[in-house]
Structure formats: structure tokens, C-alpha cells
Amino acid sequence: MVRLHELVNRNSQFIIATHSPIILSYPHSKIIELSDSGYKITKFTDTEPFIIHKAFLNNTANMLKELGID
């Protein structure tokens, strides 16, 4: 993130394909979500990686149980 930020400050641009909520959280990013029906610009907090990671971190025991790991 630090190196990404340094390069952005030097007017670099990036196209990054990721499921990382950390990378997705980079400020002022334009997040384009691709699906079978096309694409849409979305907010970081509306992405599937964010939603899944948040649910896991907020309720780890239940998520592990849901996965059959208890």
C-alpha cells in the first residue's frame, strides 16, 4: 500500500485485479466489479470480499461453524 501510494503520488495509474479488501480500500479507488451481466462501479464496502471478510471477523466462531470447522 505504501509503494502504491508513492507511485500514485507520482501520477501513476493501475489496473489491479484483486479480492483483497486491503487493496480495495485504497482511498479514491475506482472499483469496477465484473460479472456475467457486465460491469458496475461500486463502493469498497459493497464488494463481496469486504462483506465476507467483515462477516468473518465480526463472528469468527459462527463462520467457522458454517464452514464445518468447529
C-alpha atoms as a PDB file:
ATOM      1  CA  MET A   1       0.000   0.000   0.000  1.00  0.00           C
ATOM      2  CA  VAL A   2       2.801   2.403   0.823  1.00  0.00           C
ATOM      3  CA  ARG A   3       4.523   1.778  -2.513  1.00  0.00           C
ATOM      4  CA  LEU A   4       1.219   2.008  -4.345  1.00  0.00           C
ATOM      5  CA  HIS A   5       0.597   5.349  -2.659  1.00  0.00           C
ATOM      6  CA  GLU A   6       4.063   6.618  -3.557  1.00  0.00           C
ATOM      7  CA  LEU A   7       3.501   5.739  -7.210  1.00  0.00           C
ATOM      8  CA  VAL A   8       0.017   7.281  -7.263  1.00  0.00           C
ATOM      9  CA  ASN A   9       1.557  10.487  -5.940  1.00  0.00           C
ATOM     10  CA  ARG A  10       3.871  10.365  -8.981  1.00  0.00           C
ATOM     11  CA  ASN A  11       0.783  10.264 -11.238  1.00  0.00           C
ATOM     12  CA  SER A  12       0.967   6.516 -11.867  1.00  0.00           C
ATOM     13  CA  GLN A  13      -2.220   4.652 -12.681  1.00  0.00           C
ATOM     14  CA  PHE A  14      -3.001   0.998 -12.083  1.00  0.00           C
ATOM     15  CA  ILE A  15      -5.426  -1.671 -13.143  1.00  0.00           C
ATOM     16  CA  ILE A  16      -5.419  -4.261 -10.374  1.00  0.00           C
ATOM     17  CA  ALA A  17      -7.472  -7.461 -10.276  1.00  0.00           C
ATOM     18  CA  THR A  18      -7.832  -8.473  -6.624  1.00  0.00           C
ATOM     19  CA  HIS A  19     -10.044  -9.972  -3.958  1.00  0.00           C
ATOM     20  CA  SER A  20      -8.011  -8.280  -1.233  1.00  0.00           C
ATOM     21  CA  PRO A  21     -10.157  -5.970   0.912  1.00  0.00           C
ATOM     22  CA  ILE A  22      -6.948  -4.191   1.894  1.00  0.00           C
ATOM     23  CA  ILE A  23      -6.082  -3.290  -1.702  1.00  0.00           C
ATOM     24  CA  LEU A  24      -9.741  -2.493  -2.411  1.00  0.00           C
ATOM     25  CA  SER A  25      -9.732   0.004   0.451  1.00  0.00           C
ATOM     26  CA  TYR A  26      -7.183   2.293  -1.183  1.00  0.00           C
ATOM     27  CA  PRO A  27      -8.661   5.820  -0.955  1.00  0.00           C
ATOM     28  CA  HIS A  28     -10.318   7.262  -4.060  1.00  0.00           C
ATOM     29  CA  SER A  29     -10.038   3.999  -5.991  1.00  0.00           C
ATOM     30  CA  LYS A  30     -12.470   3.398  -8.814  1.00  0.00           C
ATOM     31  CA  ILE A  31     -13.698  -0.139  -8.156  1.00  0.00           C
ATOM     32  CA  ILE A  32     -15.225  -1.882 -11.143  1.00  0.00           C
ATOM     33  CA  GLU A  33     -16.997  -5.131 -10.332  1.00  0.00           C
ATOM     34  CA  LEU A  34     -17.253  -7.634 -13.192  1.00  0.00           C
ATOM     35  CA  SER A  35     -19.987 -10.256 -13.507  1.00  0.00           C
ATOM     36  CA  ASP A  36     -21.774 -12.360 -16.128  1.00  0.00           C
ATOM     37  CA  SER A  37     -24.198  -9.481 -16.667  1.00  0.00           C
ATOM     38  CA  GLY A  38     -21.464  -6.916 -17.286  1.00  0.00           C
ATOM     39  CA  TYR A  39     -19.752  -4.451 -15.011  1.00  0.00           C
ATOM     40  CA  LYS A  40     -20.621  -1.802 -12.476  1.00  0.00           C
ATOM     41  CA  ILE A  41     -18.749   0.774 -10.455  1.00  0.00           C
ATOM     42  CA  THR A  42     -19.178   0.004  -6.779  1.00  0.00           C
ATOM     43  CA  LYS A  43     -18.126   1.170  -3.336  1.00  0.00           C
ATOM     44  CA  PHE A  44     -15.476  -0.700  -1.368  1.00  0.00           C
ATOM     45  CA  THR A  45     -17.996  -1.592   1.354  1.00  0.00           C
ATOM     46  CA  ASP A  46     -20.349  -3.147  -1.222  1.00  0.00           C
ATOM     47  CA  THR A  47     -17.775  -5.598  -2.598  1.00  0.00           C
ATOM     48  CA  GLU A  48     -18.064  -9.300  -1.869  1.00  0.00           C
ATOM     49  CA  PRO A  49     -14.527  -9.546  -0.404  1.00  0.00           C
ATOM     50  CA  PHE A  50     -15.300  -6.762   2.075  1.00  0.00           C
ATOM     51  CA  ILE A  51     -18.665  -8.243   3.078  1.00  0.00           C
ATOM     52  CA  ILE A  52     -17.257 -11.754   3.560  1.00  0.00           C
ATOM     53  CA  HIS A  53     -14.177 -10.625   5.497  1.00  0.00           C
ATOM     54  CA  LYS A  54     -16.241  -8.335   7.708  1.00  0.00           C
ATOM     55  CA  ALA A  55     -18.720 -11.120   8.485  1.00  0.00           C
ATOM     56  CA  PHE A  56     -15.854 -13.496   9.281  1.00  0.00           C
ATOM     57  CA  LEU A  57     -14.040 -11.047  11.550  1.00  0.00           C
ATOM     58  CA  ASN A  58     -17.221  -9.963  13.323  1.00  0.00           C
ATOM     59  CA  ASN A  59     -18.337 -13.511  14.059  1.00  0.00           C
ATOM     60  CA  THR A  60     -15.452 -15.922  13.549  1.00  0.00           C
ATOM     61  CA  ALA A  61     -16.930 -18.784  15.602  1.00  0.00           C
ATOM     62  CA  ASN A  62     -20.183 -18.860  13.630  1.00  0.00           C
ATOM     63  CA  MET A  63     -18.394 -18.542  10.298  1.00  0.00           C
ATOM     64  CA  LEU A  64     -16.085 -21.453  11.171  1.00  0.00           C
ATOM     65  CA  LYS A  65     -19.126 -23.460  12.263  1.00  0.00           C
ATOM     66  CA  GLU A  66     -20.848 -22.618   8.951  1.00  0.00           C
ATOM     67  CA  LEU A  67     -17.782 -23.976   7.161  1.00  0.00           C
ATOM     68  CA  GLY A  68     -17.929 -27.169   9.228  1.00  0.00           C
ATOM     69  CA  ILE A  69     -14.817 -26.265  11.231  1.00  0.00           C
ATOM     70  CA  ASP A  70     -15.764 -26.216  14.885  1.00  0.00           C
END
